[in-house]
């Protein structure tokens, strides 16, 4: 049997690694900046005010995490739709980080179903994150 292979895009792999490294550096810098700010602010705030600040920052972080999950859910749904439309996995024009065997037929439907289920799970998690953020903000008021 002759298998079709879609080759990885080395340039895309390098770009992905660069973006991930930059994201980690920004996240670590933000963490240290917030810790520094909180230490300086904690000295001037009462315990209750400091607790409110921590809850507010936690709510903001949870909300931003929910936005990331929602974006990932939308991307999974989009990929599933593209795979079904093209009757092929990976969809036409998709850049890959590693070589992948091209799937056709029933395997594409199975992949699309898994992507849709993943999108639904991510959407449920997003709602959960939104509820946690809402609860944290409600406690502040």
Protein backbone atom coordinates (compact mmCIF):
# COMPACT_ATOMS: atom_id res chain seq x y z
CA UNK A 1 0.00 0.00 0.00
CA UNK A 2 1.28 3.42 -0.97
CA UNK A 3 0.95 5.96 1.87
CA UNK A 4 0.79 9.67 1.22
CA UNK A 5 2.88 11.76 3.61
CA UNK A 6 2.53 15.50 4.09
CA UNK A 7 5.94 16.83 5.01
CA UNK A 8 6.63 19.11 7.95
CA UNK A 9 7.43 22.76 7.37
CA UNK A 10 10.82 23.46 9.02
CA UNK A 11 10.28 27.22 8.90
CA UNK A 12 6.93 26.84 10.64
CA UNK A 13 8.58 24.66 13.31
CA UNK A 14 11.21 27.35 13.97
CA UNK A 15 8.52 30.06 14.14
CA UNK A 16 6.46 27.99 16.58
CA UNK A 17 9.45 27.38 18.86
CA UNK A 18 10.33 31.09 18.76
CA UNK A 19 6.78 32.12 19.67
CA UNK A 20 6.66 29.61 22.53
CA UNK A 21 10.00 30.79 23.92
CA UNK A 22 8.89 34.43 23.73
CA UNK A 23 5.57 33.56 25.43
CA UNK A 24 7.38 31.81 28.29
CA UNK A 25 9.77 34.74 28.75
CA UNK A 26 6.88 37.24 28.77
CA UNK A 27 4.90 35.09 31.24
CA UNK A 28 7.87 34.76 33.61
CA UNK A 29 8.59 38.50 33.37
CA UNK A 30 4.92 39.29 34.08
CA UNK A 31 4.94 36.95 37.07
CA UNK A 32 8.01 38.63 38.56
CA UNK A 33 6.61 42.11 37.84
CA UNK A 34 3.31 41.29 39.54
CA UNK A 35 5.11 39.77 42.53
CA UNK A 36 7.32 42.86 42.83
CA UNK A 37 4.30 45.15 42.56
CA UNK A 38 2.36 43.13 45.13
CA UNK A 39 5.26 43.19 47.62
CA UNK A 40 5.51 46.96 47.33
CA UNK A 41 1.75 47.42 47.50
CA UNK A 42 1.20 44.91 50.30
CA UNK A 43 3.11 47.11 52.73
CA UNK A 44 0.67 49.97 52.24
CA UNK A 45 -2.57 47.96 52.13
CA UNK A 46 -4.59 46.41 54.88
CA UNK A 47 -4.98 42.64 54.89
CA UNK A 48 -8.48 42.94 53.43
CA UNK A 49 -7.34 45.27 50.66
CA UNK A 50 -4.39 43.01 49.81
CA UNK A 51 -6.74 40.02 49.66
CA UNK A 52 -9.02 41.95 47.29
CA UNK A 53 -6.06 42.76 45.05
CA UNK A 54 -5.03 39.10 44.95
CA UNK A 55 -8.59 38.03 44.11
CA UNK A 56 -8.81 40.67 41.38
CA UNK A 57 -5.53 39.55 39.78
CA UNK A 58 -6.59 35.93 40.05
CA UNK A 59 -9.90 36.74 38.39
CA UNK A 60 -8.14 38.57 35.56
CA UNK A 61 -5.75 35.64 35.07
CA UNK A 62 -8.58 33.11 35.06
CA UNK A 63 -10.56 35.24 32.59
CA UNK A 64 -7.59 35.54 30.23
CA UNK A 65 -7.03 31.77 30.48
CA UNK A 66 -10.67 31.29 29.53
CA UNK A 67 -10.19 33.49 26.47
CA UNK A 68 -7.24 31.30 25.44
CA UNK A 69 -9.35 28.16 25.89
CA UNK A 70 -12.17 29.68 23.86
CA UNK A 71 -9.73 30.52 21.05
CA UNK A 72 -8.39 26.98 21.09
CA UNK A 73 -11.94 25.58 20.99
CA UNK A 74 -12.77 27.74 17.97
CA UNK A 75 -9.58 26.57 16.24
CA UNK A 76 -10.41 22.89 16.89
CA UNK A 77 -13.91 23.39 15.48
CA UNK A 78 -12.48 25.18 12.43
CA UNK A 79 -10.00 22.34 11.82
CA UNK A 80 -12.79 19.76 12.05
CA UNK A 81 -14.88 21.70 9.54
CA UNK A 82 -11.91 22.06 7.16
CA UNK A 83 -11.07 18.35 7.37
CA UNK A 84 -14.66 17.34 6.58
CA UNK A 85 -14.85 19.87 3.75
CA UNK A 86 -11.57 18.68 2.20
CA UNK A 87 -12.27 15.01 3.04
CA UNK A 88 -8.64 14.87 4.12
CA UNK A 89 -6.54 15.10 7.26
CA UNK A 90 -4.56 17.28 7.57
CA UNK A 91 -6.67 19.80 5.64
CA UNK A 92 -5.26 21.34 2.46
CA UNK A 93 -2.76 24.10 3.16
CA UNK A 94 -2.22 23.19 6.82
CA UNK A 95 1.38 23.70 7.91
CA UNK A 96 2.74 20.89 10.03
CA UNK A 97 5.37 20.68 12.75
CA UNK A 98 6.17 17.07 11.87
CA UNK A 99 5.54 14.72 8.95
CA UNK A 100 2.05 13.25 8.96
CA UNK A 101 0.37 10.45 7.05
CA UNK A 102 -2.56 11.83 5.05
CA UNK A 103 -5.87 10.31 6.07
CA UNK A 104 -8.93 9.92 3.84
CA UNK A 105 -12.44 8.54 4.21
CA UNK A 106 -13.71 7.27 7.56
CA UNK A 107 -10.49 8.22 9.35
CA UNK A 108 -11.19 11.87 8.55
CA UNK A 109 -14.67 11.63 10.06
CA UNK A 110 -13.18 10.10 13.20
CA UNK A 111 -10.57 12.86 13.45
CA UNK A 112 -13.22 15.54 12.93
CA UNK A 113 -15.38 14.00 15.66
CA UNK A 114 -12.43 14.00 18.09
CA UNK A 115 -11.69 17.63 17.25
CA UNK A 116 -15.34 18.61 17.80
CA UNK A 117 -15.43 16.77 21.13
CA UNK A 118 -12.24 18.54 22.14
CA UNK A 119 -13.82 21.87 21.18
CA UNK A 120 -16.88 21.11 23.31
CA UNK A 121 -14.74 20.14 26.31
CA UNK A 122 -12.73 23.33 25.91
CA UNK A 123 -15.94 25.34 25.70
CA UNK A 124 -17.21 23.76 28.93
CA UNK A 125 -13.88 24.61 30.59
CA UNK A 126 -14.20 28.17 29.30
CA UNK A 127 -17.62 28.49 30.93
CA UNK A 128 -16.16 27.10 34.15
CA UNK A 129 -13.32 29.61 34.05
CA UNK A 130 -15.81 32.43 33.42
CA UNK A 131 -17.87 31.32 36.43
CA UNK A 132 -14.78 31.21 38.65
CA UNK A 133 -13.74 34.70 37.50
CA UNK A 134 -17.28 36.00 38.05
CA UNK A 135 -17.34 34.49 41.54
CA UNK A 136 -13.99 36.04 42.42
CA UNK A 137 -15.15 39.46 41.25
CA UNK A 138 -18.49 39.05 43.10
CA UNK A 139 -16.60 38.35 46.34
CA UNK A 140 -14.73 41.62 45.87
CA UNK A 141 -17.93 43.65 45.81
